[in-house]
Amino acid sequence: MASIIEEFLRPIVRSFLSDQTHALFLKMANWLDANIAGRTAKIVIGMILGLAAFFSVPVVTGLLGF
């Protein structure tokens, strides 16, 4: 019975987390874009955030079991 419930809930939770995470990153990106002046600074900040995402996304998904 638990596996049946898990089978139905896992896609729902995954979709919800994905949508909420996407919305959060869009808000953060728009806020950063408005508050950072200069093209070079935006490129450097983007590279730092991309590097952080490269390492943190597999760790978080591994911890959540996806």
N, C-alpha and C. Protein backbone atom coordinates (compact mmCIF):
# COMPACT_ATOMS: atom_id res chain seq x y z
N MET A 1 0.82 -1.19 0.00
CA MET A 1 0.00 0.00 0.00
C MET A 1 0.87 1.26 0.00
N ALA A 2 1.95 1.23 0.76
CA ALA A 2 2.83 2.40 0.83
C ALA A 2 3.49 2.66 -0.52
N SER A 3 3.84 1.62 -1.24
CA SER A 3 4.48 1.82 -2.54
C SER A 3 3.50 2.41 -3.55
N ILE A 4 2.22 2.07 -3.44
CA ILE A 4 1.22 2.64 -4.35
C ILE A 4 1.06 4.13 -4.08
N ILE A 5 0.99 4.49 -2.81
CA ILE A 5 0.86 5.91 -2.45
C ILE A 5 2.11 6.67 -2.89
N GLU A 6 3.27 6.08 -2.67
CA GLU A 6 4.51 6.73 -3.09
C GLU A 6 4.55 6.90 -4.61
N GLU A 7 4.06 5.91 -5.33
CA GLU A 7 4.05 5.97 -6.79
C GLU A 7 3.19 7.12 -7.31
N PHE A 8 2.11 7.42 -6.61
CA PHE A 8 1.24 8.53 -7.02
C PHE A 8 1.73 9.89 -6.53
N LEU A 9 2.33 9.91 -5.35
CA LEU A 9 2.75 11.19 -4.77
C LEU A 9 4.08 11.70 -5.32
N ARG A 10 4.98 10.81 -5.67
CA ARG A 10 6.30 11.24 -6.13
C ARG A 10 6.24 12.18 -7.33
N PRO A 11 5.48 11.88 -8.40
CA PRO A 11 5.43 12.83 -9.52
C PRO A 11 4.80 14.17 -9.15
N ILE A 12 3.83 14.14 -8.25
CA ILE A 12 3.18 15.39 -7.83
C ILE A 12 4.16 16.26 -7.06
N VAL A 13 4.88 15.66 -6.12
CA VAL A 13 5.85 16.42 -5.32
C VAL A 13 6.99 16.91 -6.20
N ARG A 14 7.45 16.08 -7.09
CA ARG A 14 8.54 16.47 -8.00
C ARG A 14 8.13 17.65 -8.88
N SER A 15 6.92 17.60 -9.40
CA SER A 15 6.42 18.69 -10.24
C SER A 15 6.29 19.98 -9.43
N PHE A 16 5.75 19.86 -8.23
CA PHE A 16 5.58 21.04 -7.38
C PHE A 16 6.93 21.67 -7.04
N LEU A 17 7.89 20.85 -6.63
CA LEU A 17 9.22 21.37 -6.30
C LEU A 17 9.89 22.00 -7.52
N SER A 18 9.72 21.38 -8.66
CA SER A 18 10.32 21.91 -9.87
C SER A 18 9.72 23.27 -10.23
N ASP A 19 8.41 23.39 -10.15
CA ASP A 19 7.76 24.66 -10.48
C ASP A 19 8.13 25.76 -9.50
N GLN A 20 8.14 25.43 -8.21
CA GLN A 20 8.47 26.43 -7.21
C GLN A 20 9.94 26.87 -7.31
N THR A 21 10.82 25.93 -7.58
CA THR A 21 12.24 26.26 -7.73
C THR A 21 12.46 27.14 -8.95
N HIS A 22 11.79 26.82 -10.04
CA HIS A 22 11.91 27.62 -11.26
C HIS A 22 11.44 29.04 -11.01
N ALA A 23 10.31 29.21 -10.35
CA ALA A 23 9.79 30.54 -10.05
C ALA A 23 10.74 31.31 -9.14
N LEU A 24 11.32 30.64 -8.15
CA LEU A 24 12.26 31.29 -7.25
C LEU A 24 13.50 31.78 -7.99
N PHE A 25 14.04 30.94 -8.87
CA PHE A 25 15.23 31.34 -9.62
C PHE A 25 14.93 32.49 -10.59
N LEU A 26 13.74 32.52 -11.18
CA LEU A 26 13.38 33.64 -12.05
C LEU A 26 13.28 34.94 -11.26
N LYS A 27 12.68 34.90 -10.07
CA LYS A 27 12.60 36.10 -9.24
C LYS A 27 14.00 36.58 -8.85
N MET A 28 14.85 35.64 -8.46
CA MET A 28 16.20 36.00 -8.06
C MET A 28 16.99 36.59 -9.23
N ALA A 29 16.83 36.01 -10.41
CA ALA A 29 17.55 36.51 -11.58
C ALA A 29 17.09 37.91 -11.95
N ASN A 30 15.81 38.16 -11.91
CA ASN A 30 15.30 39.50 -12.22
C ASN A 30 15.78 40.52 -11.19
N TRP A 31 15.82 40.13 -9.91
CA TRP A 31 16.29 41.03 -8.88
C TRP A 31 17.78 41.34 -9.07
N LEU A 32 18.58 40.30 -9.36
CA LEU A 32 20.01 40.52 -9.58
C LEU A 32 20.26 41.39 -10.80
N ASP A 33 19.50 41.17 -11.86
CA ASP A 33 19.67 41.94 -13.08
C ASP A 33 19.42 43.42 -12.84
N ALA A 34 18.43 43.71 -12.00
CA ALA A 34 18.11 45.12 -11.72
C ALA A 34 19.13 45.76 -10.78
N ASN A 35 19.77 44.99 -9.93
CA ASN A 35 20.65 45.57 -8.91
C ASN A 35 22.13 45.55 -9.25
N ILE A 36 22.53 44.85 -10.29
CA ILE A 36 23.94 44.79 -10.67
C ILE A 36 24.16 45.67 -11.89
N ALA A 37 25.06 46.62 -11.75
CA ALA A 37 25.37 47.51 -12.86
C ALA A 37 26.63 47.02 -13.56
N GLY A 38 26.63 47.09 -14.86
CA GLY A 38 27.82 46.73 -15.61
C GLY A 38 27.77 45.32 -16.18
N ARG A 39 28.17 45.24 -17.42
CA ARG A 39 28.12 43.97 -18.12
C ARG A 39 29.11 42.95 -17.55
N THR A 40 30.31 43.39 -17.24
CA THR A 40 31.34 42.49 -16.72
C THR A 40 30.92 41.92 -15.37
N ALA A 41 30.36 42.75 -14.52
CA ALA A 41 29.92 42.26 -13.20
C ALA A 41 28.82 41.22 -13.36
N LYS A 42 27.90 41.44 -14.30
CA LYS A 42 26.83 40.47 -14.53
C LYS A 42 27.38 39.14 -15.03
N ILE A 43 28.38 39.20 -15.87
CA ILE A 43 28.98 37.97 -16.40
C ILE A 43 29.69 37.21 -15.28
N VAL A 44 30.43 37.93 -14.44
CA VAL A 44 31.15 37.28 -13.34
C VAL A 44 30.18 36.67 -12.34
N ILE A 45 29.15 37.40 -11.97
CA ILE A 45 28.14 36.88 -11.03
C ILE A 45 27.44 35.67 -11.65
N GLY A 46 27.13 35.73 -12.93
CA GLY A 46 26.49 34.61 -13.61
C GLY A 46 27.36 33.37 -13.63
N MET A 47 28.65 33.55 -13.84
CA MET A 47 29.57 32.41 -13.84
C MET A 47 29.68 31.80 -12.44
N ILE A 48 29.72 32.62 -11.43
CA ILE A 48 29.78 32.12 -10.05
C ILE A 48 28.51 31.35 -9.71
N LEU A 49 27.36 31.91 -10.06
CA LEU A 49 26.10 31.22 -9.79
C LEU A 49 25.97 29.93 -10.59
N GLY A 50 26.44 29.94 -11.82
CA GLY A 50 26.40 28.73 -12.63
C GLY A 50 27.29 27.63 -12.06
N LEU A 51 28.45 28.00 -11.58
CA LEU A 51 29.35 27.03 -10.96
C LEU A 51 28.74 26.47 -9.68
N ALA A 52 28.10 27.32 -8.90
CA ALA A 52 27.45 26.86 -7.67
C ALA A 52 26.30 25.90 -8.00
N ALA A 53 25.54 26.21 -9.04
CA ALA A 53 24.43 25.33 -9.43
C ALA A 53 24.96 24.01 -9.96
N PHE A 54 26.07 24.04 -10.67
CA PHE A 54 26.66 22.83 -11.23
C PHE A 54 26.98 21.81 -10.14
N PHE A 55 27.43 22.30 -8.98
CA PHE A 55 27.77 21.40 -7.90
C PHE A 55 26.61 21.14 -6.95
N SER A 56 25.71 22.12 -6.76
CA SER A 56 24.66 21.93 -5.76
C SER A 56 23.46 21.14 -6.28
N VAL A 57 23.14 21.23 -7.56
CA VAL A 57 21.97 20.52 -8.09
C VAL A 57 22.12 19.00 -7.95
N PRO A 58 23.23 18.39 -8.33
CA PRO A 58 23.35 16.94 -8.11
C PRO A 58 23.31 16.53 -6.64
N VAL A 59 23.87 17.36 -5.77
CA VAL A 59 23.87 17.05 -4.34
C VAL A 59 22.44 17.08 -3.79
N VAL A 60 21.68 18.11 -4.14
CA VAL A 60 20.31 18.23 -3.64
C VAL A 60 19.43 17.12 -4.21
N THR A 61 19.55 16.85 -5.51
CA THR A 61 18.73 15.79 -6.08
C THR A 61 19.11 14.43 -5.51
N GLY A 62 20.36 14.22 -5.21
CA GLY A 62 20.78 12.97 -4.58
C GLY A 62 20.23 12.82 -3.17
N LEU A 63 20.23 13.92 -2.42
CA LEU A 63 19.67 13.87 -1.08
C LEU A 63 18.17 13.65 -1.07
N LEU A 64 17.48 14.20 -2.07
CA LEU A 64 16.02 14.02 -2.15
C LEU A 64 15.65 12.69 -2.75
N GLY A 65 16.59 12.02 -3.39
CA GLY A 65 16.32 10.70 -3.95
C GLY A 65 15.72 10.72 -5.33
N PHE A 66 15.91 11.80 -6.06
CA PHE A 66 15.36 11.86 -7.42
C PHE A 66 16.36 11.33 -8.37
